[in-house]
PDB file of all heavy atoms in Angstrom:
ATOM      1  N   VAL A   1    -201.416 181.535   5.867  1.00  0.00           N
ATOM      2  CA  VAL A   1    -202.410 182.596   5.750  1.00  0.00           C
ATOM      3  C   VAL A   1    -202.216 183.201   4.364  1.00  0.00           C
ATOM      4  O   VAL A   1    -201.155 183.753   4.070  1.00  0.00           O
ATOM      5  CB  VAL A   1    -202.227 183.674   6.836  1.00  0.00           C
ATOM      6  CG1 VAL A   1    -203.273 184.772   6.690  1.00  0.00           C
ATOM      7  CG2 VAL A   1    -202.290 183.052   8.227  1.00  0.00           C
ATOM      8  N   PRO A   2    -203.220 183.076   3.496  1.00  0.00           N
ATOM      9  CA  PRO A   2    -203.063 183.548   2.117  1.00  0.00           C
ATOM     10  C   PRO A   2    -202.815 185.057   2.027  1.00  0.00           C
ATOM     11  O   PRO A   2    -203.351 185.835   2.827  1.00  0.00           O
ATOM     12  CB  PRO A   2    -204.393 183.197   1.455  1.00  0.00           C
ATOM     13  CG  PRO A   2    -205.073 182.247   2.363  1.00  0.00           C
ATOM     14  CD  PRO A   2    -204.539 182.506   3.731  1.00  0.00           C
ATOM     15  N   ARG A   3    -202.020 185.426   1.058  1.00  0.00           N
ATOM     16  CA  ARG A   3    -201.757 186.850   0.810  1.00  0.00           C
ATOM     17  C   ARG A   3    -203.068 187.602   0.557  1.00  0.00           C
ATOM     18  O   ARG A   3    -203.200 188.754   0.941  1.00  0.00           O
ATOM     19  CB  ARG A   3    -200.810 186.994  -0.386  1.00  0.00           C
ATOM     20  CG  ARG A   3    -200.482 188.420  -0.727  1.00  0.00           C
ATOM     21  CD  ARG A   3    -199.505 188.485  -1.876  1.00  0.00           C
ATOM     22  NE  ARG A   3    -199.429 189.839  -2.384  1.00  0.00           N
ATOM     23  CZ  ARG A   3    -198.347 190.376  -2.878  1.00  0.00           C
ATOM     24  NH1 ARG A   3    -197.235 189.690  -2.944  1.00  0.00           N
ATOM     25  NH2 ARG A   3    -198.366 191.601  -3.327  1.00  0.00           N
ATOM     26  N   ARG A   4    -204.040 186.954  -0.049  1.00  0.00           N
ATOM     27  CA  ARG A   4    -205.313 187.632  -0.334  1.00  0.00           C
ATOM     28  C   ARG A   4    -206.016 188.078   0.957  1.00  0.00           C
ATOM     29  O   ARG A   4    -206.760 189.051   0.934  1.00  0.00           O
ATOM     30  CB  ARG A   4    -206.209 186.772  -1.214  1.00  0.00           C
ATOM     31  CG  ARG A   4    -206.853 185.622  -0.546  1.00  0.00           C
ATOM     32  CD  ARG A   4    -207.798 184.852  -1.490  1.00  0.00           C
ATOM     33  NE  ARG A   4    -208.259 183.632  -0.855  1.00  0.00           N
ATOM     34  CZ  ARG A   4    -207.611 182.483  -0.856  1.00  0.00           C
ATOM     35  NH1 ARG A   4    -206.458 182.371  -1.491  1.00  0.00           N
ATOM     36  NH2 ARG A   4    -208.105 181.432  -0.236  1.00  0.00           N
ATOM     37  N   THR A   5    -205.796 187.373   2.066  1.00  0.00           N
ATOM     38  CA  THR A   5    -206.367 187.802   3.347  1.00  0.00           C
ATOM     39  C   THR A   5    -205.810 189.166   3.730  1.00  0.00           C
ATOM     40  O   THR A   5    -206.557 190.071   4.117  1.00  0.00           O
ATOM     41  CB  THR A   5    -206.058 186.760   4.448  1.00  0.00           C
ATOM     42  OG1 THR A   5    -206.619 185.506   4.053  1.00  0.00           O
ATOM     43  CG2 THR A   5    -206.624 187.192   5.792  1.00  0.00           C
ATOM     44  N   PHE A   6    -204.510 189.338   3.593  1.00  0.00           N
ATOM     45  CA  PHE A   6    -203.866 190.611   3.889  1.00  0.00           C
ATOM     46  C   PHE A   6    -204.353 191.689   2.920  1.00  0.00           C
ATOM     47  O   PHE A   6    -204.571 192.833   3.307  1.00  0.00           O
ATOM     48  CB  PHE A   6    -202.341 190.474   3.789  1.00  0.00           C
ATOM     49  CG  PHE A   6    -201.746 189.616   4.866  1.00  0.00           C
ATOM     50  CD1 PHE A   6    -201.647 188.240   4.700  1.00  0.00           C
ATOM     51  CD2 PHE A   6    -201.272 190.176   6.042  1.00  0.00           C
ATOM     52  CE1 PHE A   6    -201.093 187.445   5.687  1.00  0.00           C
ATOM     53  CE2 PHE A   6    -200.713 189.386   7.038  1.00  0.00           C
ATOM     54  CZ  PHE A   6    -200.626 188.022   6.859  1.00  0.00           C
ATOM     55  N   LYS A   7    -204.520 191.303   1.664  1.00  0.00           N
ATOM     56  CA  LYS A   7    -204.983 192.246   0.643  1.00  0.00           C
ATOM     57  C   LYS A   7    -206.383 192.761   0.966  1.00  0.00           C
ATOM     58  O   LYS A   7    -206.648 193.963   0.856  1.00  0.00           O
ATOM     59  CB  LYS A   7    -204.964 191.581  -0.738  1.00  0.00           C
ATOM     60  CG  LYS A   7    -205.375 192.502  -1.855  1.00  0.00           C
ATOM     61  CD  LYS A   7    -205.302 191.817  -3.201  1.00  0.00           C
ATOM     62  CE  LYS A   7    -205.711 192.809  -4.282  1.00  0.00           C
ATOM     63  NZ  LYS A   7    -205.754 192.224  -5.583  1.00  0.00           N
ATOM     64  N   ILE A   8    -207.276 191.877   1.371  1.00  0.00           N
ATOM     65  CA  ILE A   8    -208.635 192.279   1.733  1.00  0.00           C
ATOM     66  C   ILE A   8    -208.599 193.275   2.892  1.00  0.00           C
ATOM     67  O   ILE A   8    -209.269 194.312   2.865  1.00  0.00           O
ATOM     68  CB  ILE A   8    -209.483 191.040   2.102  1.00  0.00           C
ATOM     69  CG1 ILE A   8    -209.777 190.218   0.848  1.00  0.00           C
ATOM     70  CG2 ILE A   8    -210.780 191.444   2.813  1.00  0.00           C
ATOM     71  CD1 ILE A   8    -210.310 188.827   1.130  1.00  0.00           C
ATOM     72  N   ILE A   9    -207.810 192.979   3.900  1.00  0.00           N
ATOM     73  CA  ILE A   9    -207.707 193.873   5.062  1.00  0.00           C
ATOM     74  C   ILE A   9    -207.161 195.225   4.636  1.00  0.00           C
ATOM     75  O   ILE A   9    -207.730 196.274   4.970  1.00  0.00           O
ATOM     76  CB  ILE A   9    -206.819 193.249   6.158  1.00  0.00           C
ATOM     77  CG1 ILE A   9    -207.465 191.975   6.699  1.00  0.00           C
ATOM     78  CG2 ILE A   9    -206.554 194.262   7.279  1.00  0.00           C
ATOM     79  CD1 ILE A   9    -206.540 191.125   7.545  1.00  0.00           C
ATOM     80  N   TRP A  10    -206.045 195.228   3.898  1.00  0.00           N
ATOM     81  CA  TRP A  10    -205.407 196.480   3.504  1.00  0.00           C
ATOM     82  C   TRP A  10    -206.327 197.331   2.621  1.00  0.00           C
ATOM     83  O   TRP A  10    -206.470 198.529   2.841  1.00  0.00           O
ATOM     84  CB  TRP A  10    -204.069 196.231   2.819  1.00  0.00           C
ATOM     85  CG  TRP A  10    -203.366 197.512   2.524  1.00  0.00           C
ATOM     86  CD1 TRP A  10    -203.170 198.094   1.308  1.00  0.00           C
ATOM     87  CD2 TRP A  10    -202.815 198.414   3.492  1.00  0.00           C
ATOM     88  NE1 TRP A  10    -202.525 199.285   1.460  1.00  0.00           N
ATOM     89  CE2 TRP A  10    -202.288 199.507   2.782  1.00  0.00           C
ATOM     90  CE3 TRP A  10    -202.698 198.394   4.876  1.00  0.00           C
ATOM     91  CZ2 TRP A  10    -201.662 200.577   3.419  1.00  0.00           C
ATOM     92  CZ3 TRP A  10    -202.084 199.453   5.519  1.00  0.00           C
ATOM     93  CH2 TRP A  10    -201.575 200.528   4.784  1.00  0.00           C
ATOM     94  N   GLU A  11    -206.939 196.700   1.629  1.00  0.00           N
ATOM     95  CA  GLU A  11    -207.813 197.465   0.730  1.00  0.00           C
ATOM     96  C   GLU A  11    -209.008 198.059   1.468  1.00  0.00           C
ATOM     97  O   GLU A  11    -209.418 199.183   1.186  1.00  0.00           O
ATOM     98  CB  GLU A  11    -208.262 196.595  -0.442  1.00  0.00           C
ATOM     99  CG  GLU A  11    -207.128 196.348  -1.422  1.00  0.00           C
ATOM    100  CD  GLU A  11    -207.494 195.436  -2.578  1.00  0.00           C
ATOM    101  OE1 GLU A  11    -208.589 194.807  -2.542  1.00  0.00           O
ATOM    102  OE2 GLU A  11    -206.672 195.331  -3.504  1.00  0.00           O
ATOM    103  N   ASN A  12    -209.554 197.338   2.440  1.00  0.00           N
ATOM    104  CA  ASN A  12    -210.645 197.885   3.251  1.00  0.00           C
ATOM    105  C   ASN A  12    -210.171 199.024   4.136  1.00  0.00           C
ATOM    106  O   ASN A  12    -210.881 200.021   4.298  1.00  0.00           O
ATOM    107  CB  ASN A  12    -211.301 196.789   4.094  1.00  0.00           C
ATOM    108  CG  ASN A  12    -212.346 196.035   3.322  1.00  0.00           C
ATOM    109  OD1 ASN A  12    -213.466 196.498   3.170  1.00  0.00           O
ATOM    110  ND2 ASN A  12    -211.974 194.874   2.812  1.00  0.00           N
ATOM    111  N   LEU A  13    -208.986 198.895   4.694  1.00  0.00           N
ATOM    112  CA  LEU A  13    -208.430 199.980   5.507  1.00  0.00           C
ATOM    113  C   LEU A  13    -208.262 201.247   4.674  1.00  0.00           C
ATOM    114  O   LEU A  13    -208.638 202.338   5.108  1.00  0.00           O
ATOM    115  CB  LEU A  13    -207.077 199.576   6.101  1.00  0.00           C
ATOM    116  CG  LEU A  13    -207.105 198.827   7.410  1.00  0.00           C
ATOM    117  CD1 LEU A  13    -205.704 198.318   7.746  1.00  0.00           C
ATOM    118  CD2 LEU A  13    -207.641 199.689   8.530  1.00  0.00           C
ATOM    119  N   VAL A  14    -207.681 201.108   3.492  1.00  0.00           N
ATOM    120  CA  VAL A  14    -207.437 202.261   2.629  1.00  0.00           C
ATOM    121  C   VAL A  14    -208.755 202.886   2.168  1.00  0.00           C
ATOM    122  O   VAL A  14    -208.909 204.100   2.164  1.00  0.00           O
ATOM    123  CB  VAL A  14    -206.545 201.862   1.425  1.00  0.00           C
ATOM    124  CG1 VAL A  14    -206.476 202.971   0.398  1.00  0.00           C
ATOM    125  CG2 VAL A  14    -205.144 201.488   1.911  1.00  0.00           C
ATOM    126  N   LYS A  15    -209.707 202.047   1.821  1.00  0.00           N
ATOM    127  CA  LYS A  15    -210.991 202.542   1.311  1.00  0.00           C
ATOM    128  C   LYS A  15    -211.858 203.168   2.404  1.00  0.00           C
ATOM    129  O   LYS A  15    -212.451 204.233   2.206  1.00  0.00           O
ATOM    130  CB  LYS A  15    -211.752 201.393   0.655  1.00  0.00           C
ATOM    131  CG  LYS A  15    -213.091 201.786   0.078  1.00  0.00           C
ATOM    132  CD  LYS A  15    -213.777 200.597  -0.552  1.00  0.00           C
ATOM    133  CE  LYS A  15    -215.167 200.969  -1.042  1.00  0.00           C
ATOM    134  NZ  LYS A  15    -215.869 199.810  -1.561  1.00  0.00           N
ATOM    135  N   CYS A  16    -211.945 202.518   3.553  1.00  0.00           N
ATOM    136  CA  CYS A  16    -212.898 202.920   4.599  1.00  0.00           C
ATOM    137  C   CYS A  16    -212.256 203.591   5.806  1.00  0.00           C
ATOM    138  O   CYS A  16    -212.957 204.185   6.615  1.00  0.00           O
ATOM    139  CB  CYS A  16    -213.681 201.711   5.074  1.00  0.00           C
ATOM    140  SG  CYS A  16    -214.565 200.859   3.761  1.00  0.00           S
ATOM    141  N   GLY A  17    -210.932 203.448   5.954  1.00  0.00           N
ATOM    142  CA  GLY A  17    -210.254 204.025   7.110  1.00  0.00           C
ATOM    143  C   GLY A  17    -210.243 203.115   8.325  1.00  0.00           C
ATOM    144  O   GLY A  17    -209.554 203.383   9.293  1.00  0.00           O
ATOM    145  N   GLU A  18    -211.014 202.033   8.265  1.00  0.00           N
ATOM    146  CA  GLU A  18    -211.057 201.088   9.374  1.00  0.00           C
ATOM    147  C   GLU A  18    -211.488 199.722   8.857  1.00  0.00           C
ATOM    148  O   GLU A  18    -211.986 199.594   7.737  1.00  0.00           O
ATOM    149  CB  GLU A  18    -211.992 201.571  10.468  1.00  0.00           C
ATOM    150  CG  GLU A  18    -213.407 201.844  10.024  1.00  0.00           C
ATOM    151  CD  GLU A  18    -214.205 202.499  11.126  1.00  0.00           C
ATOM    152  OE1 GLU A  18    -214.092 203.726  11.287  1.00  0.00           O
ATOM    153  OE2 GLU A  18    -214.922 201.767  11.825  1.00  0.00           O
ATOM    154  N   PHE A  19    -211.286 198.709   9.704  1.00  0.00           N
ATOM    155  CA  PHE A  19    -211.622 197.345   9.303  1.00  0.00           C
ATOM    156  C   PHE A  19    -211.897 196.509  10.540  1.00  0.00           C
ATOM    157  O   PHE A  19    -211.133 196.543  11.501  1.00  0.00           O
ATOM    158  CB  PHE A  19    -210.472 196.717   8.513  1.00  0.00           C
ATOM    159  CG  PHE A  19    -210.741 195.306   8.064  1.00  0.00           C
ATOM    160  CD1 PHE A  19    -211.613 195.054   7.019  1.00  0.00           C
ATOM    161  CD2 PHE A  19    -210.125 194.242   8.687  1.00  0.00           C
ATOM    162  CE1 PHE A  19    -211.866 193.751   6.601  1.00  0.00           C
ATOM    163  CE2 PHE A  19    -210.365 192.941   8.275  1.00  0.00           C
ATOM    164  CZ  PHE A  19    -211.241 192.695   7.230  1.00  0.00           C
ATOM    165  N   GLU A  20    -213.006 195.786  10.524  1.00  0.00           N
ATOM    166  CA  GLU A  20    -213.313 194.807  11.563  1.00  0.00           C
ATOM    167  C   GLU A  20    -213.465 193.455  10.874  1.00  0.00           C
ATOM    168  O   GLU A  20    -214.392 193.257  10.089  1.00  0.00           O
ATOM    169  CB  GLU A  20    -214.596 195.163  12.301  1.00  0.00           C
ATOM    170  CG  GLU A  20    -214.876 194.224  13.443  1.00  0.00           C
ATOM    171  CD  GLU A  20    -216.096 194.624  14.251  1.00  0.00           C
ATOM    172  OE1 GLU A  20    -216.491 195.798  14.221  1.00  0.00           O
ATOM    173  OE2 GLU A  20    -216.666 193.728  14.889  1.00  0.00           O
ATOM    174  N   PRO A  21    -212.553 192.533  11.138  1.00  0.00           N
ATOM    175  CA  PRO A  21    -212.550 191.263  10.403  1.00  0.00           C
ATOM    176  C   PRO A  21    -213.554 190.266  10.942  1.00  0.00           C
ATOM    177  O   PRO A  21    -214.126 190.443  12.010  1.00  0.00           O
ATOM    178  CB  PRO A  21    -211.136 190.758  10.641  1.00  0.00           C
ATOM    179  CG  PRO A  21    -210.817 191.253  12.010  1.00  0.00           C
ATOM    180  CD  PRO A  21    -211.453 192.634  12.074  1.00  0.00           C
ATOM    181  N   SER A  22    -213.683 189.179  10.190  1.00  0.00           N
ATOM    182  CA  SER A  22    -214.422 188.025  10.696  1.00  0.00           C
ATOM    183  C   SER A  22    -213.592 187.431  11.837  1.00  0.00           C
ATOM    184  O   SER A  22    -212.458 187.847  12.073  1.00  0.00           O
ATOM    185  CB  SER A  22    -214.613 187.004   9.580  1.00  0.00           C
ATOM    186  OG  SER A  22    -213.380 186.425   9.238  1.00  0.00           O
ATOM    187  N   ILE A  23    -214.139 186.480  12.505  1.00  0.00           N
ATOM    188  CA  ILE A  23    -213.451 185.931  13.678  1.00  0.00           C
ATOM    189  C   ILE A  23    -212.551 184.747  13.354  1.00  0.00           C
ATOM    190  O   ILE A  23    -212.074 184.072  14.249  1.00  0.00           O
ATOM    191  CB  ILE A  23    -214.454 185.548  14.784  1.00  0.00           C
ATOM    192  CG1 ILE A  23    -215.449 184.516  14.269  1.00  0.00           C
ATOM    193  CG2 ILE A  23    -215.142 186.774  15.324  1.00  0.00           C
ATOM    194  CD1 ILE A  23    -216.340 183.926  15.340  1.00  0.00           C
ATOM    195  N   THR A  24    -212.301 184.488  12.088  1.00  0.00           N
ATOM    196  CA  THR A  24    -211.449 183.357  11.724  1.00  0.00           C
ATOM    197  C   THR A  24    -210.001 183.609  12.148  1.00  0.00           C
ATOM    198  O   THR A  24    -209.521 184.738  12.111  1.00  0.00           O
ATOM    199  CB  THR A  24    -211.496 183.078  10.213  1.00  0.00           C
ATOM    200  OG1 THR A  24    -211.016 184.222   9.531  1.00  0.00           O
ATOM    201  CG2 THR A  24    -212.904 182.741   9.743  1.00  0.00           C
ATOM    202  N   PRO A  25    -209.303 182.552  12.551  1.00  0.00           N
ATOM    203  CA  PRO A  25    -207.916 182.712  12.992  1.00  0.00           C
ATOM    204  C   PRO A  25    -207.005 183.375  11.958  1.00  0.00           C
ATOM    205  O   PRO A  25    -206.110 184.131  12.318  1.00  0.00           O
ATOM    206  CB  PRO A  25    -207.469 181.276  13.292  1.00  0.00           C
ATOM    207  CG  PRO A  25    -208.731 180.571  13.649  1.00  0.00           C
ATOM    208  CD  PRO A  25    -209.782 181.187  12.758  1.00  0.00           C
ATOM    209  N   ALA A  26    -207.228 183.111  10.674  1.00  0.00           N
ATOM    210  CA  ALA A  26    -206.381 183.724   9.642  1.00  0.00           C
ATOM    211  C   ALA A  26    -206.500 185.242   9.686  1.00  0.00           C
ATOM    212  O   ALA A  26    -205.505 185.962   9.548  1.00  0.00           O
ATOM    213  CB  ALA A  26    -206.754 183.203   8.258  1.00  0.00           C
ATOM    214  N   TYR A  27    -207.696 185.748   9.885  1.00  0.00           N
ATOM    215  CA  TYR A  27    -207.873 187.199   9.971  1.00  0.00           C
ATOM    216  C   TYR A  27    -207.279 187.753  11.257  1.00  0.00           C
ATOM    217  O   TYR A  27    -206.725 188.843  11.261  1.00  0.00           O
ATOM    218  CB  TYR A  27    -209.352 187.585   9.853  1.00  0.00           C
ATOM    219  CG  TYR A  27    -209.798 187.712   8.426  1.00  0.00           C
ATOM    220  CD1 TYR A  27    -210.436 186.667   7.787  1.00  0.00           C
ATOM    221  CD2 TYR A  27    -209.563 188.871   7.709  1.00  0.00           C
ATOM    222  CE1 TYR A  27    -210.838 186.780   6.464  1.00  0.00           C
ATOM    223  CE2 TYR A  27    -209.959 188.991   6.383  1.00  0.00           C
ATOM    224  CZ  TYR A  27    -210.595 187.942   5.774  1.00  0.00           C
ATOM    225  OH  TYR A  27    -210.971 188.059   4.464  1.00  0.00           O
ATOM    226  N   ARG A  28    -207.375 187.029  12.342  1.00  0.00           N
ATOM    227  CA  ARG A  28    -206.813 187.510  13.615  1.00  0.00           C
ATOM    228  C   ARG A  28    -205.307 187.738  13.501  1.00  0.00           C
ATOM    229  O   ARG A  28    -204.808 188.774  13.906  1.00  0.00           O
ATOM    230  CB  ARG A  28    -207.114 186.523  14.736  1.00  0.00           C
ATOM    231  CG  ARG A  28    -208.551 186.520  15.151  1.00  0.00           C
ATOM    232  CD  ARG A  28    -208.775 185.519  16.257  1.00  0.00           C
ATOM    233  NE  ARG A  28    -210.179 185.456  16.601  1.00  0.00           N
ATOM    234  CZ  ARG A  28    -210.745 184.421  17.169  1.00  0.00           C
ATOM    235  NH1 ARG A  28    -210.031 183.345  17.471  1.00  0.00           N
ATOM    236  NH2 ARG A  28    -212.022 184.431  17.460  1.00  0.00           N
ATOM    237  N   ILE A  29    -204.586 186.764  12.962  1.00  0.00           N
ATOM    238  CA  ILE A  29    -203.135 186.923  12.874  1.00  0.00           C
ATOM    239  C   ILE A  29    -202.760 187.901  11.771  1.00  0.00           C
ATOM    240  O   ILE A  29    -201.812 188.676  11.916  1.00  0.00           O
ATOM    241  CB  ILE A  29    -202.406 185.557  12.722  1.00  0.00           C
ATOM    242  CG1 ILE A  29    -200.880 185.743  12.853  1.00  0.00           C
ATOM    243  CG2 ILE A  29    -202.768 184.868  11.424  1.00  0.00           C
ATOM    244  CD1 ILE A  29    -200.400 186.361  14.150  1.00  0.00           C
ATOM    245  N   ALA A  30    -203.504 187.932  10.682  1.00  0.00           N
ATOM    246  CA  ALA A  30    -203.212 188.912   9.628  1.00  0.00           C
ATOM    247  C   ALA A  30    -203.410 190.329  10.163  1.00  0.00           C
ATOM    248  O   ALA A  30    -202.592 191.216   9.904  1.00  0.00           O
ATOM    249  CB  ALA A  30    -204.097 188.660   8.408  1.00  0.00           C
ATOM    250  N   CYS A  31    -204.464 190.564  10.920  1.00  0.00           N
ATOM    251  CA  CYS A  31    -204.692 191.889  11.529  1.00  0.00           C
ATOM    252  C   CYS A  31    -203.579 192.227  12.509  1.00  0.00           C
ATOM    253  O   CYS A  31    -203.125 193.373  12.579  1.00  0.00           O
ATOM    254  CB  CYS A  31    -206.043 191.940  12.226  1.00  0.00           C
ATOM    255  SG  CYS A  31    -207.440 192.078  11.104  1.00  0.00           S
ATOM    256  N   ALA A  32    -203.136 191.242  13.280  1.00  0.00           N
ATOM    257  CA  ALA A  32    -202.052 191.483  14.231  1.00  0.00           C
ATOM    258  C   ALA A  32    -200.777 191.904  13.510  1.00  0.00           C
ATOM    259  O   ALA A  32    -200.042 192.774  13.984  1.00  0.00           O
ATOM    260  CB  ALA A  32    -201.803 190.243  15.077  1.00  0.00           C
ATOM    261  N   CYS A  33    -200.512 191.301  12.355  1.00  0.00           N
ATOM    262  CA  CYS A  33    -199.334 191.686  11.570  1.00  0.00           C
ATOM    263  C   CYS A  33    -199.509 193.085  10.984  1.00  0.00           C
ATOM    264  O   CYS A  33    -198.610 193.924  11.086  1.00  0.00           O
ATOM    265  CB  CYS A  33    -199.087 190.668  10.460  1.00  0.00           C
ATOM    266  SG  CYS A  33    -198.542 189.044  11.043  1.00  0.00           S
ATOM    267  N   ILE A  34    -200.661 193.351  10.384  1.00  0.00           N
ATOM    268  CA  ILE A  34    -200.899 194.663   9.766  1.00  0.00           C
ATOM    269  C   ILE A  34    -200.888 195.778  10.809  1.00  0.00           C
ATOM    270  O   ILE A  34    -200.437 196.883  10.532  1.00  0.00           O
ATOM    271  CB  ILE A  34    -202.204 194.630   8.936  1.00  0.00           C
ATOM    272  CG1 ILE A  34    -201.939 193.815   7.658  1.00  0.00           C
ATOM    273  CG2 ILE A  34    -202.690 196.037   8.599  1.00  0.00           C
ATOM    274  CD1 ILE A  34    -203.137 193.620   6.767  1.00  0.00           C
ATOM    275  N   ALA A  35    -201.322 195.481  12.027  1.00  0.00           N
ATOM    276  CA  ALA A  35    -201.301 196.495  13.093  1.00  0.00           C
ATOM    277  C   ALA A  35    -199.880 196.907  13.455  1.00  0.00           C
ATOM    278  O   ALA A  35    -199.678 197.939  14.099  1.00  0.00           O
ATOM    279  CB  ALA A  35    -202.023 195.984  14.332  1.00  0.00           C
ATOM    280  N   ARG A  36    -198.900 196.153  13.025  1.00  0.00           N
ATOM    281  CA  ARG A  36    -197.501 196.494  13.284  1.00  0.00           C
ATOM    282  C   ARG A  36    -196.939 197.475  12.262  1.00  0.00           C
ATOM    283  O   ARG A  36    -195.804 197.907  12.375  1.00  0.00           O
ATOM    284  CB  ARG A  36    -196.668 195.222  13.373  1.00  0.00           C
ATOM    285  CG  ARG A  36    -196.845 194.601  14.755  1.00  0.00           C
ATOM    286  CD  ARG A  36    -196.694 193.111  14.809  1.00  0.00           C
ATOM    287  NE  ARG A  36    -196.788 192.653  16.194  1.00  0.00           N
ATOM    288  CZ  ARG A  36    -197.926 192.491  16.866  1.00  0.00           C
ATOM    289  NH1 ARG A  36    -199.076 192.748  16.298  1.00  0.00           N
ATOM    290  NH2 ARG A  36    -197.927 192.066  18.122  1.00  0.00           N
TER     291      ARG A  36
END
């Protein structure tokens, strides 16, 4: 799972306060990690 996937999630969280990813498996596991 590329670091840029995590970066996209984090930057959206910081900017918008929330994030709903696409349904791709890479985003699912990256979100699961960031939720920790």
